[in-house]
Amino acid sequence: MIAKIRTYISEVFLELKKATWPWDPKESGFAKYKELNDSTIVVFVAMLLLGAFVAFFDFSLRWAFEALAH
């Protein structure tokens, strides 16, 4: 059982070494996390746009159904 756990952990570390991380290890400060910050901003803007899109159609359809109901 212990051997299987050690094998699993060693394989996990091996796979993590193959991964590309969203920061540049040669940089320092905020420049190190430029890709991570840029990706976060893209996701945040996309969430805002999607929220605005859904809210627009929610209010538009509610107004249209209320107008048809009266």
PDB file of N, CA and C in Angstrom:
ATOM      1  N   MET A   1       0.819  -1.197   0.000  1.00  0.00           N
ATOM      2  CA  MET A   1       0.000   0.000   0.000  1.00  0.00           C
ATOM      3  C   MET A   1       0.861   1.258   0.000  1.00  0.00           C
ATOM      4  N   ILE A   2       1.904   1.295   0.843  1.00  0.00           N
ATOM      5  CA  ILE A   2       2.798   2.445   0.915  1.00  0.00           C
ATOM      6  C   ILE A   2       3.540   2.616  -0.412  1.00  0.00           C
ATOM      7  N   ALA A   3       3.907   1.500  -1.033  1.00  0.00           N
ATOM      8  CA  ALA A   3       4.616   1.564  -2.313  1.00  0.00           C
ATOM      9  C   ALA A   3       3.748   2.206  -3.392  1.00  0.00           C
ATOM     10  N   LYS A   4       2.443   1.896  -3.378  1.00  0.00           N
ATOM     11  CA  LYS A   4       1.531   2.479  -4.363  1.00  0.00           C
ATOM     12  C   LYS A   4       1.399   3.984  -4.153  1.00  0.00           C
ATOM     13  N   ILE A   5       1.347   4.406  -2.893  1.00  0.00           N
ATOM     14  CA  ILE A   5       1.240   5.836  -2.590  1.00  0.00           C
ATOM     15  C   ILE A   5       2.504   6.567  -3.042  1.00  0.00           C
ATOM     16  N   ARG A   6       3.675   5.989  -2.775  1.00  0.00           N
ATOM     17  CA  ARG A   6       4.937   6.600  -3.207  1.00  0.00           C
ATOM     18  C   ARG A   6       4.999   6.690  -4.731  1.00  0.00           C
ATOM     19  N   THR A   7       4.573   5.642  -5.402  1.00  0.00           N
ATOM     20  CA  THR A   7       4.559   5.653  -6.867  1.00  0.00           C
ATOM     21  C   THR A   7       3.635   6.735  -7.387  1.00  0.00           C
ATOM     22  N   TYR A   8       2.463   6.839  -6.784  1.00  0.00           N
ATOM     23  CA  TYR A   8       1.492   7.858  -7.196  1.00  0.00           C
ATOM     24  C   TYR A   8       2.076   9.257  -7.012  1.00  0.00           C
ATOM     25  N   ILE A   9       2.657   9.525  -5.846  1.00  0.00           N
ATOM     26  CA  ILE A   9       3.209  10.851  -5.565  1.00  0.00           C
ATOM     27  C   ILE A   9       4.371  11.161  -6.504  1.00  0.00           C
ATOM     28  N   SER A  10       5.227  10.198  -6.771  1.00  0.00           N
ATOM     29  CA  SER A  10       6.342  10.443  -7.692  1.00  0.00           C
ATOM     30  C   SER A  10       5.834  10.722  -9.107  1.00  0.00           C
ATOM     31  N   GLU A  11       4.772  10.033  -9.523  1.00  0.00           N
ATOM     32  CA  GLU A  11       4.189  10.292 -10.840  1.00  0.00           C
ATOM     33  C   GLU A  11       3.542  11.669 -10.895  1.00  0.00           C
ATOM     34  N   VAL A  12       2.916  12.095  -9.804  1.00  0.00           N
ATOM     35  CA  VAL A  12       2.317  13.430  -9.756  1.00  0.00           C
ATOM     36  C   VAL A  12       3.399  14.492  -9.915  1.00  0.00           C
ATOM     37  N   PHE A  13       4.509  14.346  -9.187  1.00  0.00           N
ATOM     38  CA  PHE A  13       5.599  15.313  -9.298  1.00  0.00           C
ATOM     39  C   PHE A  13       6.196  15.306 -10.704  1.00  0.00           C
ATOM     40  N   LEU A  14       6.293  14.143 -11.317  1.00  0.00           N
ATOM     41  CA  LEU A  14       6.808  14.048 -12.674  1.00  0.00           C
ATOM     42  C   LEU A  14       5.907  14.802 -13.650  1.00  0.00           C
ATOM     43  N   GLU A  15       4.602  14.651 -13.517  1.00  0.00           N
ATOM     44  CA  GLU A  15       3.664  15.358 -14.390  1.00  0.00           C
ATOM     45  C   GLU A  15       3.680  16.858 -14.127  1.00  0.00           C
ATOM     46  N   LEU A  16       3.820  17.280 -12.864  1.00  0.00           N
ATOM     47  CA  LEU A  16       3.865  18.709 -12.552  1.00  0.00           C
ATOM     48  C   LEU A  16       5.107  19.372 -13.149  1.00  0.00           C
ATOM     49  N   LYS A  17       6.190  18.633 -13.271  1.00  0.00           N
ATOM     50  CA  LYS A  17       7.391  19.185 -13.900  1.00  0.00           C
ATOM     51  C   LYS A  17       7.171  19.441 -15.389  1.00  0.00           C
ATOM     52  N   LYS A  18       6.281  18.678 -16.016  1.00  0.00           N
ATOM     53  CA  LYS A  18       5.985  18.850 -17.438  1.00  0.00           C
ATOM     54  C   LYS A  18       5.050  20.032 -17.691  1.00  0.00           C
ATOM     55  N   ALA A  19       4.332  20.460 -16.662  1.00  0.00           N
ATOM     56  CA  ALA A  19       3.328  21.515 -16.821  1.00  0.00           C
ATOM     57  C   ALA A  19       3.989  22.864 -17.080  1.00  0.00           C
ATOM     58  N   THR A  20       3.275  23.705 -17.820  1.00  0.00           N
ATOM     59  CA  THR A  20       3.723  25.083 -17.989  1.00  0.00           C
ATOM     60  C   THR A  20       2.919  25.946 -17.028  1.00  0.00           C
ATOM     61  N   TRP A  21       3.602  26.781 -16.303  1.00  0.00           N
ATOM     62  CA  TRP A  21       2.961  27.598 -15.289  1.00  0.00           C
ATOM     63  C   TRP A  21       2.724  28.992 -15.827  1.00  0.00           C
ATOM     64  N   PRO A  22       1.664  29.673 -15.369  1.00  0.00           N
ATOM     65  CA  PRO A  22       1.311  30.983 -15.948  1.00  0.00           C
ATOM     66  C   PRO A  22       2.150  32.129 -15.398  1.00  0.00           C
ATOM     67  N   TRP A  23       3.409  31.913 -15.152  1.00  0.00           N
ATOM     68  CA  TRP A  23       4.291  33.003 -14.770  1.00  0.00           C
ATOM     69  C   TRP A  23       5.694  32.706 -15.264  1.00  0.00           C
ATOM     70  N   ASP A  24       6.463  33.754 -15.388  1.00  0.00           N
ATOM     71  CA  ASP A  24       7.825  33.637 -15.895  1.00  0.00           C
ATOM     72  C   ASP A  24       8.781  33.623 -14.708  1.00  0.00           C
ATOM     73  N   PRO A  25       9.475  32.526 -14.464  1.00  0.00           N
ATOM     74  CA  PRO A  25      10.348  32.438 -13.286  1.00  0.00           C
ATOM     75  C   PRO A  25      11.538  33.395 -13.345  1.00  0.00           C
ATOM     76  N   LYS A  26      11.863  33.922 -14.540  1.00  0.00           N
ATOM     77  CA  LYS A  26      12.995  34.840 -14.652  1.00  0.00           C
ATOM     78  C   LYS A  26      12.638  36.259 -14.222  1.00  0.00           C
ATOM     79  N   GLU A  27      11.358  36.593 -14.225  1.00  0.00           N
ATOM     80  CA  GLU A  27      10.898  37.935 -13.856  1.00  0.00           C
ATOM     81  C   GLU A  27      10.705  38.030 -12.350  1.00  0.00           C
ATOM     82  N   SER A  28      10.540  39.263 -11.881  1.00  0.00           N
ATOM     83  CA  SER A  28      10.253  39.461 -10.460  1.00  0.00           C
ATOM     84  C   SER A  28       9.134  40.484 -10.324  1.00  0.00           C
ATOM     85  N   GLY A  29       8.530  40.526  -9.165  1.00  0.00           N
ATOM     86  CA  GLY A  29       7.439  41.462  -8.919  1.00  0.00           C
ATOM     87  C   GLY A  29       6.195  41.101  -9.704  1.00  0.00           C
ATOM     88  N   PHE A  30       5.397  42.136 -10.052  1.00  0.00           N
ATOM     89  CA  PHE A  30       4.152  41.896 -10.783  1.00  0.00           C
ATOM     90  C   PHE A  30       4.409  41.442 -12.215  1.00  0.00           C
ATOM     91  N   ALA A  31       5.565  41.783 -12.777  1.00  0.00           N
ATOM     92  CA  ALA A  31       5.890  41.349 -14.141  1.00  0.00           C
ATOM     93  C   ALA A  31       5.957  39.829 -14.225  1.00  0.00           C
ATOM     94  N   LYS A  32       6.299  39.177 -13.120  1.00  0.00           N
ATOM     95  CA  LYS A  32       6.385  37.718 -13.091  1.00  0.00           C
ATOM     96  C   LYS A  32       5.029  37.084 -13.386  1.00  0.00           C
ATOM     97  N   TYR A  33       3.956  37.729 -12.967  1.00  0.00           N
ATOM     98  CA  TYR A  33       2.612  37.171 -13.088  1.00  0.00           C
ATOM     99  C   TYR A  33       1.807  37.840 -14.206  1.00  0.00           C
ATOM    100  N   LYS A  34       2.481  38.382 -15.232  1.00  0.00           N
ATOM    101  CA  LYS A  34       1.792  39.109 -16.305  1.00  0.00           C
ATOM    102  C   LYS A  34       0.761  38.235 -17.005  1.00  0.00           C
ATOM    103  N   GLU A  35       1.131  37.023 -17.394  1.00  0.00           N
ATOM    104  CA  GLU A  35       0.188  36.147 -18.088  1.00  0.00           C
ATOM    105  C   GLU A  35      -1.001  35.809 -17.192  1.00  0.00           C
ATOM    106  N   LEU A  36      -0.736  35.551 -15.924  1.00  0.00           N
ATOM    107  CA  LEU A  36      -1.801  35.238 -14.979  1.00  0.00           C
ATOM    108  C   LEU A  36      -2.736  36.434 -14.801  1.00  0.00           C
ATOM    109  N   ASN A  37      -2.170  37.631 -14.650  1.00  0.00           N
ATOM    110  CA  ASN A  37      -2.991  38.838 -14.505  1.00  0.00           C
ATOM    111  C   ASN A  37      -3.807  39.104 -15.761  1.00  0.00           C
ATOM    112  N   ASP A  38      -3.181  38.964 -16.931  1.00  0.00           N
ATOM    113  CA  ASP A  38      -3.904  39.186 -18.179  1.00  0.00           C
ATOM    114  C   ASP A  38      -5.055  38.193 -18.338  1.00  0.00           C
ATOM    115  N   SER A  39      -4.817  36.936 -18.007  1.00  0.00           N
ATOM    116  CA  SER A  39      -5.869  35.921 -18.109  1.00  0.00           C
ATOM    117  C   SER A  39      -7.004  36.209 -17.134  1.00  0.00           C
ATOM    118  N   THR A  40      -6.662  36.661 -15.932  1.00  0.00           N
ATOM    119  CA  THR A  40      -7.682  36.996 -14.939  1.00  0.00           C
ATOM    120  C   THR A  40      -8.546  38.148 -15.422  1.00  0.00           C
ATOM    121  N   ILE A  41      -7.923  39.147 -16.029  1.00  0.00           N
ATOM    122  CA  ILE A  41      -8.678  40.295 -16.544  1.00  0.00           C
ATOM    123  C   ILE A  41      -9.605  39.860 -17.672  1.00  0.00           C
ATOM    124  N   VAL A  42      -9.126  38.993 -18.553  1.00  0.00           N
ATOM    125  CA  VAL A  42      -9.962  38.497 -19.658  1.00  0.00           C
ATOM    126  C   VAL A  42     -11.173  37.755 -19.112  1.00  0.00           C
ATOM    127  N   VAL A  43     -10.975  36.903 -18.123  1.00  0.00           N
ATOM    128  CA  VAL A  43     -12.085  36.149 -17.533  1.00  0.00           C
ATOM    129  C   VAL A  43     -13.065  37.097 -16.857  1.00  0.00           C
ATOM    130  N   PHE A  44     -12.569  38.093 -16.131  1.00  0.00           N
ATOM    131  CA  PHE A  44     -13.444  39.043 -15.437  1.00  0.00           C
ATOM    132  C   PHE A  44     -14.281  39.838 -16.435  1.00  0.00           C
ATOM    133  N   VAL A  45     -13.667  40.319 -17.502  1.00  0.00           N
ATOM    134  CA  VAL A  45     -14.405  41.078 -18.525  1.00  0.00           C
ATOM    135  C   VAL A  45     -15.442  40.175 -19.198  1.00  0.00           C
ATOM    136  N   ALA A  46     -15.068  38.935 -19.490  1.00  0.00           N
ATOM    137  CA  ALA A  46     -16.018  38.005 -20.109  1.00  0.00           C
ATOM    138  C   ALA A  46     -17.208  37.754 -19.189  1.00  0.00           C
ATOM    139  N   MET A  47     -16.962  37.640 -17.874  1.00  0.00           N
ATOM    140  CA  MET A  47     -18.065  37.440 -16.924  1.00  0.00           C
ATOM    141  C   MET A  47     -18.981  38.657 -16.904  1.00  0.00           C
ATOM    142  N   LEU A  48     -18.406  39.855 -16.931  1.00  0.00           N
ATOM    143  CA  LEU A  48     -19.222  41.069 -16.942  1.00  0.00           C
ATOM    144  C   LEU A  48     -20.079  41.156 -18.213  1.00  0.00           C
ATOM    145  N   LEU A  49     -19.474  40.852 -19.358  1.00  0.00           N
ATOM    146  CA  LEU A  49     -20.224  40.894 -20.611  1.00  0.00           C
ATOM    147  C   LEU A  49     -21.332  39.852 -20.638  1.00  0.00           C
ATOM    148  N   LEU A  50     -21.041  38.655 -20.183  1.00  0.00           N
ATOM    149  CA  LEU A  50     -22.065  37.615 -20.152  1.00  0.00           C
ATOM    150  C   LEU A  50     -23.186  37.986 -19.179  1.00  0.00           C
ATOM    151  N   GLY A  51     -22.823  38.544 -18.024  1.00  0.00           N
ATOM    152  CA  GLY A  51     -23.836  38.989 -17.066  1.00  0.00           C
ATOM    153  C   GLY A  51     -24.712  40.078 -17.637  1.00  0.00           C
ATOM    154  N   ALA A  52     -24.111  41.032 -18.341  1.00  0.00           N
ATOM    155  CA  ALA A  52     -24.889  42.110 -18.967  1.00  0.00           C
ATOM    156  C   ALA A  52     -25.804  41.549 -20.052  1.00  0.00           C
ATOM    157  N   PHE A  53     -25.318  40.608 -20.829  1.00  0.00           N
ATOM    158  CA  PHE A  53     -26.110  39.971 -21.884  1.00  0.00           C
ATOM    159  C   PHE A  53     -27.329  39.267 -21.297  1.00  0.00           C
ATOM    160  N   VAL A  54     -27.111  38.482 -20.261  1.00  0.00           N
ATOM    161  CA  VAL A  54     -28.210  37.750 -19.624  1.00  0.00           C
ATOM    162  C   VAL A  54     -29.194  38.715 -18.977  1.00  0.00           C
ATOM    163  N   ALA A  55     -28.692  39.743 -18.285  1.00  0.00           N
ATOM    164  CA  ALA A  55     -29.568  40.717 -17.638  1.00  0.00           C
ATOM    165  C   ALA A  55     -30.406  41.466 -18.670  1.00  0.00           C
ATOM    166  N   PHE A  56     -29.798  41.841 -19.798  1.00  0.00           N
ATOM    167  CA  PHE A  56     -30.528  42.549 -20.846  1.00  0.00           C
ATOM    168  C   PHE A  56     -31.705  41.718 -21.348  1.00  0.00           C
ATOM    169  N   PHE A  57     -31.444  40.461 -21.667  1.00  0.00           N
ATOM    170  CA  PHE A  57     -32.536  39.626 -22.170  1.00  0.00           C
ATOM    171  C   PHE A  57     -33.546  39.279 -21.082  1.00  0.00           C
ATOM    172  N   ASP A  58     -33.099  39.168 -19.849  1.00  0.00           N
ATOM    173  CA  ASP A  58     -34.022  38.909 -18.750  1.00  0.00           C
ATOM    174  C   ASP A  58     -35.013  40.061 -18.608  1.00  0.00           C
ATOM    175  N   PHE A  59     -34.494  41.288 -18.568  1.00  0.00           N
ATOM    176  CA  PHE A  59     -35.373  42.451 -18.416  1.00  0.00           C
ATOM    177  C   PHE A  59     -36.208  42.688 -19.669  1.00  0.00           C
ATOM    178  N   SER A  60     -35.625  42.456 -20.847  1.00  0.00           N
ATOM    179  CA  SER A  60     -36.371  42.657 -22.095  1.00  0.00           C
ATOM    180  C   SER A  60     -37.534  41.672 -22.201  1.00  0.00           C
ATOM    181  N   LEU A  61     -37.271  40.410 -21.909  1.00  0.00           N
ATOM    182  CA  LEU A  61     -38.336  39.416 -22.016  1.00  0.00           C
ATOM    183  C   LEU A  61     -39.398  39.622 -20.947  1.00  0.00           C
ATOM    184  N   ARG A  62     -38.978  40.039 -19.737  1.00  0.00           N
ATOM    185  CA  ARG A  62     -39.966  40.309 -18.693  1.00  0.00           C
ATOM    186  C   ARG A  62     -40.875  41.460 -19.122  1.00  0.00           C
ATOM    187  N   TRP A  63     -40.267  42.514 -19.694  1.00  0.00           N
ATOM    188  CA  TRP A  63     -41.053  43.659 -20.157  1.00  0.00           C
ATOM    189  C   TRP A  63     -41.990  43.234 -21.287  1.00  0.00           C
ATOM    190  N   ALA A  64     -41.501  42.411 -22.195  1.00  0.00           N
ATOM    191  CA  ALA A  64     -42.335  41.972 -23.324  1.00  0.00           C
ATOM    192  C   ALA A  64     -43.497  41.113 -22.855  1.00  0.00           C
ATOM    193  N   PHE A  65     -43.262  40.179 -21.922  1.00  0.00           N
ATOM    194  CA  PHE A  65     -44.355  39.337 -21.421  1.00  0.00           C
ATOM    195  C   PHE A  65     -45.361  40.135 -20.614  1.00  0.00           C
ATOM    196  N   GLU A  66     -44.869  41.122 -19.838  1.00  0.00           N
ATOM    197  CA  GLU A  66     -45.806  41.973 -19.084  1.00  0.00           C
ATOM    198  C   GLU A  66     -46.648  42.807 -20.040  1.00  0.00           C
ATOM    199  N   ALA A  67     -46.047  43.293 -21.126  1.00  0.00           N
ATOM    200  CA  ALA A  67     -46.800  44.090 -22.104  1.00  0.00           C
ATOM    201  C   ALA A  67     -47.845  43.224 -22.804  1.00  0.00           C
ATOM    202  N   LEU A  68     -47.526  41.972 -23.075  1.00  0.00           N
ATOM    203  CA  LEU A  68     -48.491  41.076 -23.715  1.00  0.00           C
ATOM    204  C   LEU A  68     -49.596  40.647 -22.758  1.00  0.00           C
ATOM    205  N   ALA A  69     -49.293  40.588 -21.483  1.00  0.00           N
ATOM    206  CA  ALA A  69     -50.266  40.127 -20.503  1.00  0.00           C
ATOM    207  C   ALA A  69     -51.324  41.191 -20.209  1.00  0.00           C
ATOM    208  N   HIS A  70     -50.989  42.447 -20.399  1.00  0.00           N
ATOM    209  CA  HIS A  70     -51.973  43.522 -20.106  1.00  0.00           C
ATOM    210  C   HIS A  70     -52.720  43.894 -21.282  1.00  0.00           C
TER     211      HIS A  70
END
